[in-house]
Amino acid sequence: MTETPKRVRVTADAPPGRPSAQTRGIALPGAPVDEADAVYARALRRSQLRLALGTISGFVLVVIAMALVIALIPEIDGIVIAGVPLSWVLQAFAFYPVIIVFAVLHVRTAARNERRYRALRDGG
């Protein structure tokens, strides 16, 4: 009978001066944790949470305002574009630019928060 060949795991060493990809950005169990890093990480999490809650609440307010405008101004239904009332067109397409604007603002602000965190953590 033939033996099943042994499995061999092939790995590569990290380039000199760089941590291995497996441990980059993670605190391993038992590894020393700098108190300042922990404080900065908590501050970053709080900052990102505030940003997320602010983005969500702002988006909900804008969507509610747009829905109220459509519902409370009946003259909008009198305007017809390609056989479709303007209120329908607004409900179908006006929300997408709002979503894009909030998404872009959120991503830019989150990236700025992370840059500030890295600058504080690295001391420069």
N, C-alpha and C. Protein backbone atom coordinates (compact mmCIF):
# COMPACT_ATOMS: atom_id res chain seq x y z
N MET A 1 0.83 -1.18 0.00
CA MET A 1 0.00 0.00 0.00
C MET A 1 0.88 1.24 0.00
N THR A 2 0.33 2.30 -0.58
CA THR A 2 1.10 3.54 -0.62
C THR A 2 0.72 4.42 0.56
N GLU A 3 1.70 5.11 1.07
CA GLU A 3 1.46 6.02 2.19
C GLU A 3 0.95 7.36 1.68
N THR A 4 0.09 7.98 2.47
CA THR A 4 -0.39 9.31 2.15
C THR A 4 0.75 10.29 2.40
N PRO A 5 1.05 11.16 1.43
CA PRO A 5 2.15 12.11 1.64
C PRO A 5 1.81 13.07 2.78
N LYS A 6 2.84 13.47 3.51
CA LYS A 6 2.66 14.42 4.60
C LYS A 6 2.38 15.80 4.03
N ARG A 7 1.53 16.54 4.73
CA ARG A 7 1.27 17.91 4.31
C ARG A 7 2.36 18.80 4.84
N VAL A 8 2.80 19.70 4.00
CA VAL A 8 3.84 20.63 4.39
C VAL A 8 3.30 22.03 4.27
N ARG A 9 3.46 22.81 5.31
CA ARG A 9 3.01 24.20 5.28
C ARG A 9 4.19 25.06 4.85
N VAL A 10 3.98 25.82 3.79
CA VAL A 10 5.04 26.67 3.26
C VAL A 10 4.73 28.10 3.66
N THR A 11 5.68 28.73 4.35
CA THR A 11 5.51 30.13 4.75
C THR A 11 6.74 30.90 4.35
N ALA A 12 6.60 32.19 4.30
CA ALA A 12 7.73 33.05 3.98
C ALA A 12 7.98 33.98 5.16
N ASP A 13 9.21 34.32 5.37
CA ASP A 13 9.55 35.26 6.42
C ASP A 13 9.19 36.67 5.97
N ALA A 14 8.88 37.49 6.94
CA ALA A 14 8.58 38.90 6.64
C ALA A 14 9.87 39.59 6.23
N PRO A 15 9.76 40.60 5.37
CA PRO A 15 10.94 41.36 4.99
C PRO A 15 11.57 42.02 6.22
N PRO A 16 12.87 42.24 6.18
CA PRO A 16 13.51 42.86 7.35
C PRO A 16 12.91 44.23 7.65
N GLY A 17 12.71 44.49 8.93
CA GLY A 17 12.19 45.80 9.34
C GLY A 17 10.68 45.90 9.34
N ARG A 18 10.00 44.85 8.91
CA ARG A 18 8.54 44.86 8.90
C ARG A 18 8.03 43.71 9.75
N PRO A 19 6.95 43.94 10.50
CA PRO A 19 6.38 42.82 11.26
C PRO A 19 5.71 41.84 10.30
N SER A 20 5.55 40.62 10.74
CA SER A 20 4.90 39.64 9.88
C SER A 20 3.44 40.04 9.69
N ALA A 21 2.87 39.63 8.58
CA ALA A 21 1.50 40.02 8.25
C ALA A 21 0.50 39.43 9.23
N GLN A 22 0.86 38.32 9.88
CA GLN A 22 -0.08 37.68 10.79
C GLN A 22 -0.28 38.49 12.06
N THR A 23 0.70 39.22 12.52
CA THR A 23 0.57 39.92 13.79
C THR A 23 0.45 41.43 13.63
N ARG A 24 0.45 41.93 12.44
CA ARG A 24 0.37 43.37 12.25
C ARG A 24 -0.99 43.88 12.69
N GLY A 25 -0.99 44.79 13.64
CA GLY A 25 -2.23 45.42 14.08
C GLY A 25 -3.01 44.65 15.11
N ILE A 26 -2.52 43.49 15.55
CA ILE A 26 -3.25 42.72 16.55
C ILE A 26 -2.39 42.59 17.80
N ALA A 27 -3.04 42.68 18.95
CA ALA A 27 -2.33 42.41 20.19
C ALA A 27 -2.48 40.93 20.50
N LEU A 28 -1.38 40.22 20.53
CA LEU A 28 -1.43 38.80 20.82
C LEU A 28 -1.62 38.58 22.31
N PRO A 29 -2.27 37.48 22.69
CA PRO A 29 -2.45 37.20 24.12
C PRO A 29 -1.09 37.09 24.80
N GLY A 30 -0.97 37.74 25.93
CA GLY A 30 0.27 37.69 26.67
C GLY A 30 1.29 38.72 26.24
N ALA A 31 1.03 39.42 25.14
CA ALA A 31 1.96 40.44 24.67
C ALA A 31 1.81 41.69 25.53
N PRO A 32 2.90 42.38 25.79
CA PRO A 32 2.78 43.60 26.60
C PRO A 32 1.98 44.66 25.86
N VAL A 33 1.08 45.30 26.57
CA VAL A 33 0.24 46.34 25.98
C VAL A 33 0.61 47.65 26.65
N ASP A 34 0.96 48.62 25.84
CA ASP A 34 1.29 49.93 26.37
C ASP A 34 0.00 50.63 26.79
N GLU A 35 0.00 51.20 27.97
CA GLU A 35 -1.20 51.88 28.48
C GLU A 35 -1.61 53.04 27.58
N ALA A 36 -0.63 53.76 27.03
CA ALA A 36 -0.95 54.88 26.15
C ALA A 36 -1.65 54.39 24.88
N ASP A 37 -1.19 53.26 24.33
CA ASP A 37 -1.84 52.71 23.14
C ASP A 37 -3.29 52.34 23.44
N ALA A 38 -3.53 51.77 24.62
CA ALA A 38 -4.89 51.39 24.99
C ALA A 38 -5.77 52.63 25.12
N VAL A 39 -5.23 53.69 25.70
CA VAL A 39 -6.01 54.92 25.84
C VAL A 39 -6.33 55.51 24.47
N TYR A 40 -5.34 55.55 23.59
CA TYR A 40 -5.57 56.08 22.24
C TYR A 40 -6.57 55.23 21.48
N ALA A 41 -6.49 53.92 21.63
CA ALA A 41 -7.43 53.04 20.92
C ALA A 41 -8.86 53.27 21.42
N ARG A 42 -9.02 53.42 22.73
CA ARG A 42 -10.37 53.70 23.27
C ARG A 42 -10.88 55.05 22.76
N ALA A 43 -10.00 56.03 22.70
CA ALA A 43 -10.41 57.34 22.19
C ALA A 43 -10.83 57.26 20.74
N LEU A 44 -10.09 56.47 19.95
CA LEU A 44 -10.45 56.30 18.54
C LEU A 44 -11.81 55.62 18.41
N ARG A 45 -12.04 54.58 19.19
CA ARG A 45 -13.34 53.90 19.13
C ARG A 45 -14.48 54.84 19.51
N ARG A 46 -14.28 55.63 20.57
CA ARG A 46 -15.32 56.59 20.97
C ARG A 46 -15.56 57.62 19.87
N SER A 47 -14.48 58.09 19.26
CA SER A 47 -14.60 59.08 18.20
C SER A 47 -15.35 58.50 16.99
N GLN A 48 -15.03 57.26 16.63
CA GLN A 48 -15.71 56.63 15.48
C GLN A 48 -17.18 56.36 15.81
N LEU A 49 -17.47 56.00 17.06
CA LEU A 49 -18.86 55.78 17.46
C LEU A 49 -19.65 57.08 17.39
N ARG A 50 -19.07 58.17 17.91
CA ARG A 50 -19.74 59.48 17.82
C ARG A 50 -19.99 59.86 16.36
N LEU A 51 -19.01 59.62 15.51
CA LEU A 51 -19.16 59.93 14.09
C LEU A 51 -20.29 59.11 13.48
N ALA A 52 -20.34 57.83 13.78
CA ALA A 52 -21.38 56.96 13.22
C ALA A 52 -22.77 57.40 13.69
N LEU A 53 -22.90 57.68 14.97
CA LEU A 53 -24.20 58.11 15.48
C LEU A 53 -24.62 59.46 14.90
N GLY A 54 -23.66 60.37 14.75
CA GLY A 54 -23.96 61.66 14.13
C GLY A 54 -24.36 61.52 12.68
N THR A 55 -23.67 60.65 11.95
CA THR A 55 -24.00 60.43 10.54
C THR A 55 -25.40 59.83 10.40
N ILE A 56 -25.69 58.83 11.22
CA ILE A 56 -27.01 58.19 11.15
C ILE A 56 -28.11 59.19 11.51
N SER A 57 -27.93 59.94 12.59
CA SER A 57 -28.99 60.88 12.98
C SER A 57 -29.17 61.98 11.94
N GLY A 58 -28.08 62.49 11.38
CA GLY A 58 -28.19 63.49 10.33
C GLY A 58 -28.91 62.96 9.10
N PHE A 59 -28.57 61.74 8.71
CA PHE A 59 -29.22 61.12 7.55
C PHE A 59 -30.72 60.94 7.80
N VAL A 60 -31.06 60.44 8.97
CA VAL A 60 -32.48 60.22 9.28
C VAL A 60 -33.24 61.55 9.28
N LEU A 61 -32.65 62.59 9.83
CA LEU A 61 -33.31 63.90 9.82
C LEU A 61 -33.54 64.42 8.40
N VAL A 62 -32.55 64.27 7.54
CA VAL A 62 -32.70 64.74 6.15
C VAL A 62 -33.76 63.92 5.43
N VAL A 63 -33.78 62.61 5.63
CA VAL A 63 -34.78 61.77 4.97
C VAL A 63 -36.18 62.12 5.46
N ILE A 64 -36.32 62.33 6.76
CA ILE A 64 -37.64 62.71 7.29
C ILE A 64 -38.07 64.06 6.73
N ALA A 65 -37.15 65.01 6.66
CA ALA A 65 -37.48 66.33 6.10
C ALA A 65 -37.92 66.21 4.64
N MET A 66 -37.19 65.40 3.86
CA MET A 66 -37.58 65.23 2.46
C MET A 66 -38.95 64.58 2.34
N ALA A 67 -39.23 63.58 3.17
CA ALA A 67 -40.52 62.92 3.13
C ALA A 67 -41.64 63.87 3.53
N LEU A 68 -41.38 64.70 4.54
CA LEU A 68 -42.39 65.68 4.95
C LEU A 68 -42.66 66.71 3.87
N VAL A 69 -41.62 67.17 3.20
CA VAL A 69 -41.80 68.13 2.11
C VAL A 69 -42.66 67.51 1.01
N ILE A 70 -42.37 66.28 0.67
CA ILE A 70 -43.16 65.61 -0.37
C ILE A 70 -44.60 65.43 0.07
N ALA A 71 -44.81 65.08 1.35
CA ALA A 71 -46.17 64.82 1.84
C ALA A 71 -46.97 66.10 2.08
N LEU A 72 -46.31 67.16 2.53
CA LEU A 72 -47.04 68.36 2.95
C LEU A 72 -47.22 69.41 1.87
N ILE A 73 -46.56 69.25 0.74
CA ILE A 73 -46.72 70.22 -0.34
C ILE A 73 -47.42 69.52 -1.51
N PRO A 74 -48.75 69.62 -1.56
CA PRO A 74 -49.49 68.91 -2.61
C PRO A 74 -49.25 69.46 -4.02
N GLU A 75 -48.75 70.69 -4.12
CA GLU A 75 -48.49 71.26 -5.44
C GLU A 75 -47.40 70.50 -6.20
N ILE A 76 -46.59 69.76 -5.47
CA ILE A 76 -45.52 69.00 -6.13
C ILE A 76 -46.11 67.96 -7.08
N ASP A 77 -47.28 67.40 -6.73
CA ASP A 77 -47.92 66.41 -7.60
C ASP A 77 -48.42 67.02 -8.91
N GLY A 78 -48.60 68.34 -8.93
CA GLY A 78 -49.06 69.00 -10.16
C GLY A 78 -47.97 69.07 -11.22
N ILE A 79 -46.73 69.00 -10.82
CA ILE A 79 -45.62 69.03 -11.78
C ILE A 79 -45.39 67.61 -12.27
N VAL A 80 -45.42 67.45 -13.59
CA VAL A 80 -45.28 66.12 -14.17
C VAL A 80 -44.04 66.11 -15.07
N ILE A 81 -43.19 65.10 -14.86
CA ILE A 81 -41.98 64.93 -15.67
C ILE A 81 -42.09 63.58 -16.38
N ALA A 82 -42.16 63.62 -17.69
CA ALA A 82 -42.28 62.40 -18.51
C ALA A 82 -43.45 61.53 -18.06
N GLY A 83 -44.56 62.17 -17.72
CA GLY A 83 -45.77 61.45 -17.33
C GLY A 83 -45.77 60.96 -15.90
N VAL A 84 -44.74 61.32 -15.13
CA VAL A 84 -44.64 60.87 -13.74
C VAL A 84 -44.68 62.11 -12.83
N PRO A 85 -45.49 62.09 -11.78
CA PRO A 85 -45.53 63.23 -10.86
C PRO A 85 -44.17 63.45 -10.19
N LEU A 86 -43.86 64.72 -9.93
CA LEU A 86 -42.57 65.07 -9.35
C LEU A 86 -42.36 64.41 -7.99
N SER A 87 -43.43 64.25 -7.23
CA SER A 87 -43.27 63.61 -5.91
C SER A 87 -42.76 62.18 -6.05
N TRP A 88 -43.18 61.47 -7.08
CA TRP A 88 -42.69 60.11 -7.31
C TRP A 88 -41.23 60.12 -7.74
N VAL A 89 -40.89 61.07 -8.60
CA VAL A 89 -39.51 61.18 -9.05
C VAL A 89 -38.59 61.49 -7.87
N LEU A 90 -39.03 62.40 -6.98
CA LEU A 90 -38.24 62.73 -5.80
C LEU A 90 -38.08 61.52 -4.89
N GLN A 91 -39.16 60.76 -4.68
CA GLN A 91 -39.06 59.57 -3.84
C GLN A 91 -38.17 58.51 -4.47
N ALA A 92 -38.16 58.44 -5.78
CA ALA A 92 -37.38 57.40 -6.45
C ALA A 92 -35.90 57.75 -6.56
N PHE A 93 -35.59 59.03 -6.79
CA PHE A 93 -34.20 59.37 -7.12
C PHE A 93 -33.53 60.38 -6.21
N ALA A 94 -34.26 61.16 -5.45
CA ALA A 94 -33.63 62.22 -4.66
C ALA A 94 -32.87 61.69 -3.46
N PHE A 95 -33.18 60.48 -3.02
CA PHE A 95 -32.51 59.96 -1.83
C PHE A 95 -31.09 59.46 -2.14
N TYR A 96 -30.83 59.05 -3.37
CA TYR A 96 -29.50 58.52 -3.70
C TYR A 96 -28.38 59.55 -3.55
N PRO A 97 -28.55 60.77 -4.03
CA PRO A 97 -27.50 61.76 -3.79
C PRO A 97 -27.29 62.04 -2.29
N VAL A 98 -28.37 62.01 -1.52
CA VAL A 98 -28.24 62.21 -0.08
C VAL A 98 -27.42 61.09 0.54
N ILE A 99 -27.69 59.86 0.14
CA ILE A 99 -26.93 58.71 0.64
C ILE A 99 -25.46 58.86 0.28
N ILE A 100 -25.18 59.24 -0.95
CA ILE A 100 -23.79 59.38 -1.40
C ILE A 100 -23.07 60.48 -0.62
N VAL A 101 -23.74 61.60 -0.41
CA VAL A 101 -23.11 62.71 0.33
C VAL A 101 -22.79 62.27 1.76
N PHE A 102 -23.73 61.64 2.43
CA PHE A 102 -23.47 61.19 3.80
C PHE A 102 -22.37 60.13 3.84
N ALA A 103 -22.34 59.24 2.87
CA ALA A 103 -21.32 58.19 2.85
C ALA A 103 -19.92 58.80 2.65
N VAL A 104 -19.82 59.73 1.71
CA VAL A 104 -18.51 60.36 1.45
C VAL A 104 -18.04 61.15 2.67
N LEU A 105 -18.94 61.91 3.27
CA LEU A 105 -18.57 62.67 4.47
C LEU A 105 -18.13 61.74 5.61
N HIS A 106 -18.85 60.65 5.77
CA HIS A 106 -18.51 59.70 6.84
C HIS A 106 -17.13 59.08 6.61
N VAL A 107 -16.86 58.64 5.40
CA VAL A 107 -15.57 58.00 5.11
C VAL A 107 -14.43 58.99 5.27
N ARG A 108 -14.59 60.21 4.79
CA ARG A 108 -13.52 61.21 4.92
C ARG A 108 -13.25 61.53 6.38
N THR A 109 -14.31 61.68 7.18
CA THR A 109 -14.12 62.02 8.59
C THR A 109 -13.53 60.84 9.36
N ALA A 110 -13.95 59.62 9.04
CA ALA A 110 -13.38 58.43 9.70
C ALA A 110 -11.89 58.30 9.38
N ALA A 111 -11.52 58.55 8.13
CA ALA A 111 -10.10 58.48 7.76
C ALA A 111 -9.31 59.57 8.48
N ARG A 112 -9.89 60.76 8.63
CA ARG A 112 -9.21 61.83 9.36
C ARG A 112 -9.03 61.46 10.83
N ASN A 113 -10.04 60.84 11.43
CA ASN A 113 -9.92 60.39 12.82
C ASN A 113 -8.79 59.37 12.96
N GLU A 114 -8.70 58.44 12.02
CA GLU A 114 -7.65 57.43 12.10
C GLU A 114 -6.27 58.03 11.87
N ARG A 115 -6.16 59.02 10.99
CA ARG A 115 -4.87 59.69 10.79
C ARG A 115 -4.44 60.41 12.07
N ARG A 116 -5.39 61.07 12.72
CA ARG A 116 -5.08 61.75 13.98
C ARG A 116 -4.64 60.74 15.04
N TYR A 117 -5.32 59.61 15.09
CA TYR A 117 -4.96 58.57 16.06
C TYR A 117 -3.54 58.07 15.80
N ARG A 118 -3.22 57.80 14.53
CA ARG A 118 -1.88 57.31 14.21
C ARG A 118 -0.83 58.36 14.55
N ALA A 119 -1.14 59.64 14.31
CA ALA A 119 -0.19 60.70 14.63
C ALA A 119 0.06 60.79 16.13
N LEU A 120 -1.00 60.63 16.93
CA LEU A 120 -0.84 60.64 18.38
C LEU A 120 -0.06 59.42 18.86
N ARG A 121 -0.41 58.27 18.30
CA ARG A 121 0.21 57.03 18.72
C ARG A 121 1.68 57.00 18.37
N ASP A 122 2.03 57.47 17.18
CA ASP A 122 3.42 57.45 16.72
C ASP A 122 4.22 58.63 17.26
N GLY A 123 3.54 59.57 17.86
CA GLY A 123 4.24 60.72 18.47
C GLY A 123 4.73 61.74 17.47
N GLY A 124 4.10 61.82 16.32
CA GLY A 124 4.58 62.81 15.35
C GLY A 124 3.56 63.30 14.53
